[in-house]
Amino acid sequence: MRADARRNYERIVATAREVFHEHGVTAPLDDVVKRAGVGAGTLYRHFPTREVLVEAVYRSEIEEIAEQAYALAGELSAEDAVREWFRELIRFHIERSGLAFALKAVIDEDSETFLYCKQKLRDAAWALLEPAQAVGAVRPDLEPVDLMRLSHGIGAAARFADEASRDRMLSVLMEGLKP
């Protein structure tokens, strides 16, 4: 992809992300075009359907949350990194569940996008889990999928909870992860 085409692609994805979070994934694509400062032809050249754009936005969000895991692993102790990534995952589930639901409604769970996103998150979870297991901060029998399911469950439960309640749930979870 040419540099200008890559910039347009990235601008459209970033703008769609904002628009979808503000108005949902059914927001008019004209809003994305106007805010991104591109023509409709540019949008449809990169994203021939709304579903393709939703997939691209979802992928970018998963890539971002995965990168946070690696950053936390480099900045914090193993246990604190796991805790803070859980906090980020819970926030992600609360704020972005609509995008995930919309994507699941139009895309098969065995699609390339879902497989890519699952693998990206599992790799990120391993990057936190292995060091935490090595220092005895978490149970040795935990696997990345356990962390993902737990974060999803608490994210769903915490959706209508206040910050203090979320912190309590996270504290209970962290205690349960200990050997």
N, C-alpha and C. Protein backbone atom coordinates (compact mmCIF):
# COMPACT_ATOMS: atom_id res chain seq x y z
N MET A 1 0.85 -1.18 0.00
CA MET A 1 0.00 0.00 0.00
C MET A 1 0.89 1.24 0.00
N ARG A 2 0.57 2.18 -0.87
CA ARG A 2 1.31 3.44 -0.91
C ARG A 2 1.17 4.17 0.42
N ALA A 3 2.11 5.05 0.70
CA ALA A 3 2.10 5.78 1.97
C ALA A 3 0.83 6.60 2.15
N ASP A 4 0.38 7.28 1.09
CA ASP A 4 -0.83 8.10 1.22
C ASP A 4 -2.07 7.22 1.40
N ALA A 5 -2.09 6.08 0.73
CA ALA A 5 -3.21 5.15 0.89
C ALA A 5 -3.23 4.58 2.31
N ARG A 6 -2.05 4.28 2.84
CA ARG A 6 -1.93 3.76 4.22
C ARG A 6 -2.43 4.81 5.21
N ARG A 7 -2.06 6.06 5.00
CA ARG A 7 -2.52 7.14 5.89
C ARG A 7 -4.04 7.27 5.84
N ASN A 8 -4.60 7.22 4.64
CA ASN A 8 -6.06 7.29 4.51
C ASN A 8 -6.74 6.13 5.22
N TYR A 9 -6.19 4.93 5.02
CA TYR A 9 -6.73 3.74 5.68
C TYR A 9 -6.74 3.93 7.19
N GLU A 10 -5.61 4.32 7.73
CA GLU A 10 -5.49 4.51 9.18
C GLU A 10 -6.39 5.61 9.69
N ARG A 11 -6.52 6.70 8.93
CA ARG A 11 -7.38 7.81 9.33
C ARG A 11 -8.84 7.36 9.34
N ILE A 12 -9.23 6.60 8.33
CA ILE A 12 -10.61 6.11 8.27
C ILE A 12 -10.90 5.18 9.44
N VAL A 13 -9.99 4.26 9.75
CA VAL A 13 -10.21 3.33 10.87
C VAL A 13 -10.30 4.11 12.19
N ALA A 14 -9.39 5.05 12.40
CA ALA A 14 -9.41 5.83 13.66
C ALA A 14 -10.70 6.65 13.77
N THR A 15 -11.12 7.23 12.67
CA THR A 15 -12.34 8.03 12.68
C THR A 15 -13.57 7.15 12.87
N ALA A 16 -13.61 6.02 12.18
CA ALA A 16 -14.74 5.09 12.35
C ALA A 16 -14.83 4.62 13.79
N ARG A 17 -13.70 4.40 14.38
CA ARG A 17 -13.67 3.99 15.79
C ARG A 17 -14.37 5.03 16.66
N GLU A 18 -14.03 6.29 16.46
CA GLU A 18 -14.66 7.36 17.22
C GLU A 18 -16.17 7.43 16.96
N VAL A 19 -16.53 7.40 15.69
CA VAL A 19 -17.94 7.51 15.32
C VAL A 19 -18.74 6.32 15.86
N PHE A 20 -18.18 5.11 15.75
CA PHE A 20 -18.88 3.92 16.24
C PHE A 20 -19.05 3.97 17.75
N HIS A 21 -18.07 4.51 18.45
CA HIS A 21 -18.19 4.59 19.92
C HIS A 21 -19.21 5.65 20.33
N GLU A 22 -19.30 6.69 19.54
CA GLU A 22 -20.25 7.75 19.87
C GLU A 22 -21.69 7.39 19.48
N HIS A 23 -21.84 6.74 18.31
CA HIS A 23 -23.19 6.56 17.75
C HIS A 23 -23.53 5.11 17.43
N GLY A 24 -22.64 4.19 17.71
CA GLY A 24 -22.89 2.79 17.40
C GLY A 24 -22.43 2.44 15.99
N VAL A 25 -22.35 1.15 15.72
CA VAL A 25 -21.83 0.70 14.42
C VAL A 25 -22.79 0.92 13.27
N THR A 26 -24.00 1.35 13.58
CA THR A 26 -24.96 1.64 12.52
C THR A 26 -24.93 3.12 12.13
N ALA A 27 -24.00 3.89 12.69
CA ALA A 27 -23.88 5.31 12.35
C ALA A 27 -23.66 5.45 10.84
N PRO A 28 -24.17 6.52 10.26
CA PRO A 28 -23.98 6.72 8.81
C PRO A 28 -22.50 6.79 8.45
N LEU A 29 -22.13 6.07 7.42
CA LEU A 29 -20.73 6.09 6.98
C LEU A 29 -20.35 7.45 6.43
N ASP A 30 -21.34 8.24 6.04
CA ASP A 30 -21.06 9.62 5.62
C ASP A 30 -20.43 10.42 6.76
N ASP A 31 -20.80 10.10 8.00
CA ASP A 31 -20.19 10.76 9.15
C ASP A 31 -18.70 10.44 9.22
N VAL A 32 -18.36 9.20 8.94
CA VAL A 32 -16.95 8.79 8.94
C VAL A 32 -16.21 9.53 7.83
N VAL A 33 -16.79 9.57 6.65
CA VAL A 33 -16.17 10.23 5.49
C VAL A 33 -15.91 11.69 5.80
N LYS A 34 -16.91 12.39 6.33
CA LYS A 34 -16.77 13.82 6.61
C LYS A 34 -15.70 14.07 7.67
N ARG A 35 -15.76 13.33 8.76
CA ARG A 35 -14.79 13.54 9.84
C ARG A 35 -13.38 13.17 9.44
N ALA A 36 -13.25 12.13 8.64
CA ALA A 36 -11.91 11.69 8.22
C ALA A 36 -11.32 12.61 7.15
N GLY A 37 -12.18 13.40 6.51
CA GLY A 37 -11.70 14.30 5.48
C GLY A 37 -11.29 13.58 4.21
N VAL A 38 -12.00 12.50 3.91
CA VAL A 38 -11.73 11.75 2.69
C VAL A 38 -13.02 11.68 1.87
N GLY A 39 -12.89 11.26 0.64
CA GLY A 39 -14.07 11.10 -0.20
C GLY A 39 -14.71 9.74 0.03
N ALA A 40 -15.98 9.63 -0.37
CA ALA A 40 -16.68 8.35 -0.22
C ALA A 40 -15.98 7.26 -1.02
N GLY A 41 -15.43 7.61 -2.17
CA GLY A 41 -14.71 6.63 -2.99
C GLY A 41 -13.51 6.05 -2.25
N THR A 42 -12.81 6.90 -1.51
CA THR A 42 -11.66 6.43 -0.73
C THR A 42 -12.11 5.46 0.34
N LEU A 43 -13.19 5.79 1.02
CA LEU A 43 -13.72 4.89 2.04
C LEU A 43 -14.06 3.53 1.43
N TYR A 44 -14.82 3.54 0.35
CA TYR A 44 -15.30 2.28 -0.23
C TYR A 44 -14.20 1.51 -0.96
N ARG A 45 -13.14 2.18 -1.38
CA ARG A 45 -11.99 1.47 -1.96
C ARG A 45 -11.33 0.59 -0.89
N HIS A 46 -11.20 1.15 0.29
CA HIS A 46 -10.57 0.41 1.40
C HIS A 46 -11.55 -0.54 2.08
N PHE A 47 -12.80 -0.11 2.20
CA PHE A 47 -13.81 -0.86 2.96
C PHE A 47 -15.09 -0.96 2.13
N PRO A 48 -15.18 -1.97 1.30
CA PRO A 48 -16.32 -2.07 0.39
C PRO A 48 -17.67 -2.26 1.09
N THR A 49 -17.65 -2.73 2.36
CA THR A 49 -18.88 -2.89 3.12
C THR A 49 -18.68 -2.38 4.53
N ARG A 50 -19.78 -2.11 5.20
CA ARG A 50 -19.72 -1.70 6.61
C ARG A 50 -19.03 -2.77 7.45
N GLU A 51 -19.32 -4.04 7.15
CA GLU A 51 -18.76 -5.15 7.92
C GLU A 51 -17.24 -5.16 7.85
N VAL A 52 -16.69 -4.86 6.68
CA VAL A 52 -15.24 -4.82 6.51
C VAL A 52 -14.65 -3.70 7.37
N LEU A 53 -15.33 -2.57 7.43
CA LEU A 53 -14.87 -1.46 8.26
C LEU A 53 -14.97 -1.81 9.74
N VAL A 54 -16.07 -2.43 10.15
CA VAL A 54 -16.23 -2.85 11.54
C VAL A 54 -15.12 -3.83 11.91
N GLU A 55 -14.81 -4.76 11.04
CA GLU A 55 -13.72 -5.70 11.29
C GLU A 55 -12.40 -4.98 11.50
N ALA A 56 -12.12 -4.01 10.64
CA ALA A 56 -10.85 -3.27 10.75
C ALA A 56 -10.78 -2.50 12.06
N VAL A 57 -11.88 -1.91 12.48
CA VAL A 57 -11.91 -1.18 13.74
C VAL A 57 -11.70 -2.14 14.90
N TYR A 58 -12.38 -3.27 14.87
CA TYR A 58 -12.24 -4.26 15.93
C TYR A 58 -10.80 -4.77 16.01
N ARG A 59 -10.21 -5.09 14.87
CA ARG A 59 -8.81 -5.54 14.85
C ARG A 59 -7.89 -4.50 15.48
N SER A 60 -8.10 -3.24 15.13
CA SER A 60 -7.23 -2.19 15.67
C SER A 60 -7.37 -2.09 17.18
N GLU A 61 -8.58 -2.28 17.68
CA GLU A 61 -8.78 -2.23 19.13
C GLU A 61 -8.14 -3.42 19.83
N ILE A 62 -8.24 -4.59 19.23
CA ILE A 62 -7.61 -5.78 19.81
C ILE A 62 -6.09 -5.62 19.79
N GLU A 63 -5.56 -5.10 18.71
CA GLU A 63 -4.11 -4.88 18.63
C GLU A 63 -3.66 -3.91 19.72
N GLU A 64 -4.47 -2.88 19.97
CA GLU A 64 -4.12 -1.90 21.00
C GLU A 64 -4.14 -2.53 22.39
N ILE A 65 -5.15 -3.31 22.70
CA ILE A 65 -5.24 -3.92 24.03
C ILE A 65 -4.13 -4.95 24.21
N ALA A 66 -3.76 -5.64 23.14
CA ALA A 66 -2.65 -6.59 23.22
C ALA A 66 -1.34 -5.86 23.47
N GLU A 67 -1.13 -4.75 22.78
CA GLU A 67 0.09 -3.97 22.98
C GLU A 67 0.19 -3.45 24.42
N GLN A 68 -0.95 -3.14 25.02
CA GLN A 68 -0.94 -2.69 26.41
C GLN A 68 -0.38 -3.77 27.33
N ALA A 69 -0.69 -5.03 27.03
CA ALA A 69 -0.17 -6.13 27.85
C ALA A 69 1.36 -6.14 27.80
N TYR A 70 1.91 -6.01 26.61
CA TYR A 70 3.38 -6.02 26.48
C TYR A 70 4.01 -4.81 27.17
N ALA A 71 3.37 -3.67 27.06
CA ALA A 71 3.88 -2.47 27.72
C ALA A 71 3.84 -2.63 29.24
N LEU A 72 2.73 -3.15 29.77
CA LEU A 72 2.61 -3.37 31.21
C LEU A 72 3.65 -4.37 31.71
N ALA A 73 3.90 -5.40 30.92
CA ALA A 73 4.89 -6.42 31.29
C ALA A 73 6.28 -5.80 31.44
N GLY A 74 6.56 -4.78 30.65
CA GLY A 74 7.85 -4.12 30.73
C GLY A 74 7.95 -3.06 31.80
N GLU A 75 6.80 -2.61 32.31
CA GLU A 75 6.79 -1.50 33.27
C GLU A 75 6.54 -1.90 34.72
N LEU A 76 5.79 -2.98 34.93
CA LEU A 76 5.32 -3.32 36.27
C LEU A 76 5.81 -4.69 36.71
N SER A 77 5.63 -4.98 37.99
CA SER A 77 5.90 -6.33 38.47
C SER A 77 4.94 -7.28 37.78
N ALA A 78 5.25 -8.56 37.80
CA ALA A 78 4.43 -9.55 37.10
C ALA A 78 2.98 -9.52 37.60
N GLU A 79 2.79 -9.50 38.91
CA GLU A 79 1.42 -9.50 39.46
C GLU A 79 0.69 -8.20 39.13
N ASP A 80 1.37 -7.07 39.27
CA ASP A 80 0.74 -5.79 38.96
C ASP A 80 0.39 -5.67 37.49
N ALA A 81 1.24 -6.23 36.63
CA ALA A 81 0.96 -6.20 35.19
C ALA A 81 -0.32 -6.97 34.87
N VAL A 82 -0.49 -8.14 35.49
CA VAL A 82 -1.71 -8.93 35.28
C VAL A 82 -2.91 -8.14 35.77
N ARG A 83 -2.82 -7.54 36.97
CA ARG A 83 -3.92 -6.78 37.54
C ARG A 83 -4.30 -5.61 36.63
N GLU A 84 -3.32 -4.86 36.18
CA GLU A 84 -3.61 -3.68 35.37
C GLU A 84 -4.15 -4.06 33.99
N TRP A 85 -3.69 -5.20 33.45
CA TRP A 85 -4.23 -5.62 32.17
C TRP A 85 -5.69 -6.06 32.33
N PHE A 86 -5.97 -6.73 33.45
CA PHE A 86 -7.37 -7.07 33.74
C PHE A 86 -8.22 -5.80 33.81
N ARG A 87 -7.68 -4.78 34.46
CA ARG A 87 -8.41 -3.51 34.56
C ARG A 87 -8.70 -2.96 33.16
N GLU A 88 -7.69 -3.03 32.29
CA GLU A 88 -7.87 -2.56 30.91
C GLU A 88 -8.87 -3.42 30.14
N LEU A 89 -8.81 -4.74 30.32
CA LEU A 89 -9.74 -5.64 29.64
C LEU A 89 -11.17 -5.40 30.10
N ILE A 90 -11.34 -5.18 31.39
CA ILE A 90 -12.68 -4.91 31.93
C ILE A 90 -13.21 -3.60 31.34
N ARG A 91 -12.38 -2.58 31.32
CA ARG A 91 -12.77 -1.30 30.71
C ARG A 91 -13.12 -1.51 29.24
N PHE A 92 -12.31 -2.29 28.55
CA PHE A 92 -12.55 -2.58 27.14
C PHE A 92 -13.91 -3.25 26.94
N HIS A 93 -14.20 -4.25 27.77
CA HIS A 93 -15.49 -4.95 27.66
C HIS A 93 -16.66 -4.01 27.94
N ILE A 94 -16.50 -3.14 28.89
CA ILE A 94 -17.57 -2.22 29.24
C ILE A 94 -17.81 -1.20 28.12
N GLU A 95 -16.73 -0.62 27.62
CA GLU A 95 -16.85 0.47 26.65
C GLU A 95 -17.08 0.00 25.22
N ARG A 96 -16.64 -1.20 24.89
CA ARG A 96 -16.65 -1.59 23.49
C ARG A 96 -17.42 -2.86 23.19
N SER A 97 -18.26 -3.26 24.09
CA SER A 97 -19.00 -4.51 23.86
C SER A 97 -19.91 -4.41 22.65
N GLY A 98 -20.43 -3.23 22.36
CA GLY A 98 -21.31 -3.06 21.21
C GLY A 98 -20.62 -3.40 19.90
N LEU A 99 -19.37 -3.02 19.79
CA LEU A 99 -18.62 -3.32 18.57
C LEU A 99 -18.43 -4.83 18.42
N ALA A 100 -18.10 -5.50 19.51
CA ALA A 100 -17.92 -6.95 19.45
C ALA A 100 -19.23 -7.65 19.11
N PHE A 101 -20.33 -7.20 19.69
CA PHE A 101 -21.63 -7.81 19.38
C PHE A 101 -21.99 -7.60 17.92
N ALA A 102 -21.74 -6.40 17.41
CA ALA A 102 -22.06 -6.12 16.01
C ALA A 102 -21.22 -7.00 15.09
N LEU A 103 -19.97 -7.16 15.43
CA LEU A 103 -19.10 -7.99 14.61
C LEU A 103 -19.55 -9.44 14.63
N LYS A 104 -19.89 -9.94 15.81
CA LYS A 104 -20.35 -11.33 15.92
C LYS A 104 -21.65 -11.56 15.17
N ALA A 105 -22.44 -10.53 15.04
CA ALA A 105 -23.72 -10.67 14.34
C ALA A 105 -23.53 -10.84 12.83
N VAL A 106 -22.43 -10.35 12.30
CA VAL A 106 -22.25 -10.39 10.84
C VAL A 106 -21.09 -11.27 10.38
N ILE A 107 -20.28 -11.76 11.31
CA ILE A 107 -19.10 -12.52 10.92
C ILE A 107 -19.04 -13.83 11.69
N ASP A 108 -18.71 -14.87 10.99
CA ASP A 108 -18.57 -16.20 11.57
C ASP A 108 -17.43 -16.22 12.59
N GLU A 109 -17.63 -16.90 13.71
CA GLU A 109 -16.60 -16.94 14.74
C GLU A 109 -15.36 -17.73 14.33
N ASP A 110 -15.43 -18.43 13.20
CA ASP A 110 -14.25 -19.10 12.67
C ASP A 110 -13.58 -18.29 11.57
N SER A 111 -14.00 -17.04 11.43
CA SER A 111 -13.44 -16.18 10.39
C SER A 111 -12.00 -15.81 10.72
N GLU A 112 -11.31 -15.33 9.72
CA GLU A 112 -9.93 -14.91 9.91
C GLU A 112 -9.81 -13.83 10.97
N THR A 113 -10.76 -12.89 10.98
CA THR A 113 -10.70 -11.80 11.96
C THR A 113 -10.81 -12.33 13.38
N PHE A 114 -11.78 -13.19 13.64
CA PHE A 114 -11.91 -13.72 15.00
C PHE A 114 -10.71 -14.57 15.39
N LEU A 115 -10.24 -15.39 14.49
CA LEU A 115 -9.08 -16.23 14.80
C LEU A 115 -7.85 -15.36 15.08
N TYR A 116 -7.67 -14.33 14.27
CA TYR A 116 -6.54 -13.41 14.46
C TYR A 116 -6.64 -12.73 15.83
N CYS A 117 -7.83 -12.21 16.15
CA CYS A 117 -8.01 -11.49 17.41
C CYS A 117 -7.83 -12.40 18.62
N LYS A 118 -8.37 -13.61 18.54
CA LYS A 118 -8.19 -14.56 19.65
C LYS A 118 -6.72 -14.86 19.87
N GLN A 119 -6.00 -15.11 18.78
CA GLN A 119 -4.58 -15.43 18.91
C GLN A 119 -3.79 -14.24 19.45
N LYS A 120 -4.11 -13.05 18.98
CA LYS A 120 -3.43 -11.84 19.43
C LYS A 120 -3.60 -11.66 20.94
N LEU A 121 -4.83 -11.88 21.42
CA LEU A 121 -5.08 -11.74 22.86
C LEU A 121 -4.45 -12.86 23.67
N ARG A 122 -4.48 -14.08 23.14
CA ARG A 122 -3.84 -15.19 23.86
C ARG A 122 -2.34 -14.98 23.98
N ASP A 123 -1.72 -14.52 22.92
CA ASP A 123 -0.28 -14.25 22.97
C ASP A 123 0.03 -13.17 24.01
N ALA A 124 -0.79 -12.14 24.04
CA ALA A 124 -0.60 -11.07 25.02
C ALA A 124 -0.80 -11.59 26.43
N ALA A 125 -1.82 -12.44 26.62
CA ALA A 125 -2.06 -13.02 27.95
C ALA A 125 -0.87 -13.87 28.39
N TRP A 126 -0.32 -14.65 27.47
CA TRP A 126 0.86 -15.46 27.83
C TRP A 126 2.02 -14.59 28.26
N ALA A 127 2.19 -13.44 27.59
CA ALA A 127 3.29 -12.54 27.92
C ALA A 127 3.20 -12.04 29.36
N LEU A 128 2.01 -12.02 29.92
CA LEU A 128 1.81 -11.63 31.31
C LEU A 128 1.75 -12.83 32.24
N LEU A 129 1.14 -13.88 31.77
CA LEU A 129 0.89 -15.05 32.61
C LEU A 129 2.18 -15.80 32.96
N GLU A 130 3.01 -16.05 31.98
CA GLU A 130 4.23 -16.82 32.23
C GLU A 130 5.14 -16.18 33.29
N PRO A 131 5.43 -14.88 33.19
CA PRO A 131 6.25 -14.27 34.25
C PRO A 131 5.57 -14.31 35.62
N ALA A 132 4.25 -14.13 35.64
CA ALA A 132 3.53 -14.16 36.91
C ALA A 132 3.56 -15.56 37.52
N GLN A 133 3.47 -16.58 36.69
CA GLN A 133 3.58 -17.96 37.17
C GLN A 133 4.99 -18.25 37.65
N ALA A 134 5.97 -17.74 36.93
CA ALA A 134 7.38 -18.00 37.28
C ALA A 134 7.74 -17.46 38.66
N VAL A 135 7.12 -16.35 39.06
CA VAL A 135 7.43 -15.78 40.38
C VAL A 135 6.41 -16.20 41.44
N GLY A 136 5.49 -17.08 41.07
CA GLY A 136 4.51 -17.57 42.04
C GLY A 136 3.40 -16.60 42.37
N ALA A 137 3.18 -15.60 41.50
CA ALA A 137 2.13 -14.61 41.76
C ALA A 137 0.75 -15.12 41.39
N VAL A 138 0.70 -16.09 40.46
CA VAL A 138 -0.58 -16.68 40.04
C VAL A 138 -0.43 -18.19 39.96
N ARG A 139 -1.55 -18.87 39.95
CA ARG A 139 -1.58 -20.33 39.91
C ARG A 139 -0.84 -20.85 38.68
N PRO A 140 -0.12 -21.95 38.84
CA PRO A 140 0.62 -22.51 37.71
C PRO A 140 -0.25 -23.20 36.67
N ASP A 141 -1.50 -23.51 37.01
CA ASP A 141 -2.36 -24.22 36.07
C ASP A 141 -3.19 -23.29 35.18
N LEU A 142 -3.03 -21.98 35.35
CA LEU A 142 -3.79 -21.03 34.53
C LEU A 142 -3.28 -21.01 33.09
N GLU A 143 -4.19 -20.81 32.18
CA GLU A 143 -3.86 -20.68 30.76
C GLU A 143 -4.42 -19.35 30.26
N PRO A 144 -3.91 -18.84 29.15
CA PRO A 144 -4.40 -17.56 28.63
C PRO A 144 -5.92 -17.53 28.45
N VAL A 145 -6.49 -18.60 27.99
CA VAL A 145 -7.94 -18.61 27.78
C VAL A 145 -8.68 -18.39 29.09
N ASP A 146 -8.12 -18.83 30.19
CA ASP A 146 -8.74 -18.59 31.51
C ASP A 146 -8.80 -17.09 31.80
N LEU A 147 -7.69 -16.41 31.52
CA LEU A 147 -7.67 -14.96 31.76
C LEU A 147 -8.69 -14.24 30.87
N MET A 148 -8.79 -14.68 29.63
CA MET A 148 -9.72 -14.04 28.70
C MET A 148 -11.17 -14.25 29.15
N ARG A 149 -11.48 -15.46 29.55
CA ARG A 149 -12.86 -15.74 29.98
C ARG A 149 -13.19 -15.01 31.27
N LEU A 150 -12.25 -14.97 32.20
CA LEU A 150 -12.49 -14.25 33.45
C LEU A 150 -12.69 -12.76 33.20
N SER A 151 -11.87 -12.19 32.34
CA SER A 151 -12.01 -10.75 32.06
C SER A 151 -13.34 -10.46 31.37
N HIS A 152 -13.73 -11.35 30.50
CA HIS A 152 -15.01 -11.17 29.81
C HIS A 152 -16.17 -11.25 30.81
N GLY A 153 -16.12 -12.22 31.70
CA GLY A 153 -17.17 -12.38 32.70
C GLY A 153 -17.27 -11.19 33.62
N ILE A 154 -16.14 -10.72 34.11
CA ILE A 154 -16.17 -9.56 35.00
C ILE A 154 -16.55 -8.31 34.23
N GLY A 155 -16.08 -8.20 32.99
CA GLY A 155 -16.47 -7.06 32.17
C GLY A 155 -17.98 -6.99 31.99
N ALA A 156 -18.59 -8.14 31.75
CA ALA A 156 -20.05 -8.18 31.59
C ALA A 156 -20.74 -7.85 32.91
N ALA A 157 -20.23 -8.40 34.00
CA ALA A 157 -20.84 -8.15 35.32
C ALA A 157 -20.63 -6.71 35.76
N ALA A 158 -19.52 -6.12 35.38
CA ALA A 158 -19.19 -4.77 35.84
C ALA A 158 -19.75 -3.67 34.95
N ARG A 159 -20.43 -4.06 33.92
CA ARG A 159 -20.91 -3.07 32.96
C ARG A 159 -21.76 -1.97 33.60
N PHE A 160 -22.57 -2.33 34.58
CA PHE A 160 -23.43 -1.34 35.21
C PHE A 160 -22.99 -1.04 36.65
N ALA A 161 -21.78 -1.45 36.99
CA ALA A 161 -21.26 -1.22 38.34
C ALA A 161 -20.44 0.07 38.38
N ASP A 162 -20.31 0.62 39.57
CA ASP A 162 -19.47 1.81 39.71
C ASP A 162 -18.01 1.38 39.87
N GLU A 163 -17.13 2.35 39.89
CA GLU A 163 -15.69 2.08 39.94
C GLU A 163 -15.30 1.30 41.19
N ALA A 164 -15.88 1.64 42.34
CA ALA A 164 -15.55 0.94 43.58
C ALA A 164 -15.94 -0.53 43.49
N SER A 165 -17.09 -0.81 42.93
CA SER A 165 -17.53 -2.19 42.76
C SER A 165 -16.62 -2.95 41.80
N ARG A 166 -16.22 -2.29 40.71
CA ARG A 166 -15.29 -2.92 39.76
C ARG A 166 -13.97 -3.26 40.45
N ASP A 167 -13.49 -2.34 41.27
CA ASP A 167 -12.23 -2.58 41.99
C ASP A 167 -12.36 -3.76 42.95
N ARG A 168 -13.50 -3.89 43.61
CA ARG A 168 -13.72 -5.03 44.50
C ARG A 168 -13.72 -6.34 43.71
N MET A 169 -14.42 -6.35 42.58
CA MET A 169 -14.45 -7.55 41.75
C MET A 169 -13.05 -7.91 41.27
N LEU A 170 -12.28 -6.92 40.88
CA LEU A 170 -10.92 -7.17 40.42
C LEU A 170 -10.06 -7.70 41.56
N SER A 171 -10.25 -7.16 42.76
CA SER A 171 -9.52 -7.65 43.93
C SER A 171 -9.85 -9.10 44.23
N VAL A 172 -11.12 -9.46 44.18
CA VAL A 172 -11.54 -10.85 44.41
C VAL A 172 -10.91 -11.75 43.33
N LEU A 173 -10.95 -11.31 42.10
CA LEU A 173 -10.37 -12.08 41.01
C LEU A 173 -8.89 -12.31 41.25
N MET A 174 -8.16 -11.26 41.58
CA MET A 174 -6.71 -11.40 41.78
C MET A 174 -6.39 -12.36 42.93
N GLU A 175 -7.20 -12.31 43.99
CA GLU A 175 -6.99 -13.24 45.10
C GLU A 175 -7.22 -14.68 44.64
N GLY A 176 -8.21 -14.86 43.78
CA GLY A 176 -8.51 -16.20 43.27
C GLY A 176 -7.46 -16.74 42.32
N LEU A 177 -6.66 -15.88 41.74
CA LEU A 177 -5.61 -16.33 40.83
C LEU A 177 -4.36 -16.81 41.57
N LYS A 178 -4.25 -16.46 42.83
CA LYS A 178 -3.04 -16.81 43.58
C LYS A 178 -2.98 -18.31 43.83
N PRO A 179 -1.76 -18.83 43.89
CA PRO A 179 -1.59 -20.29 44.16
C PRO A 179 -2.09 -20.67 45.54
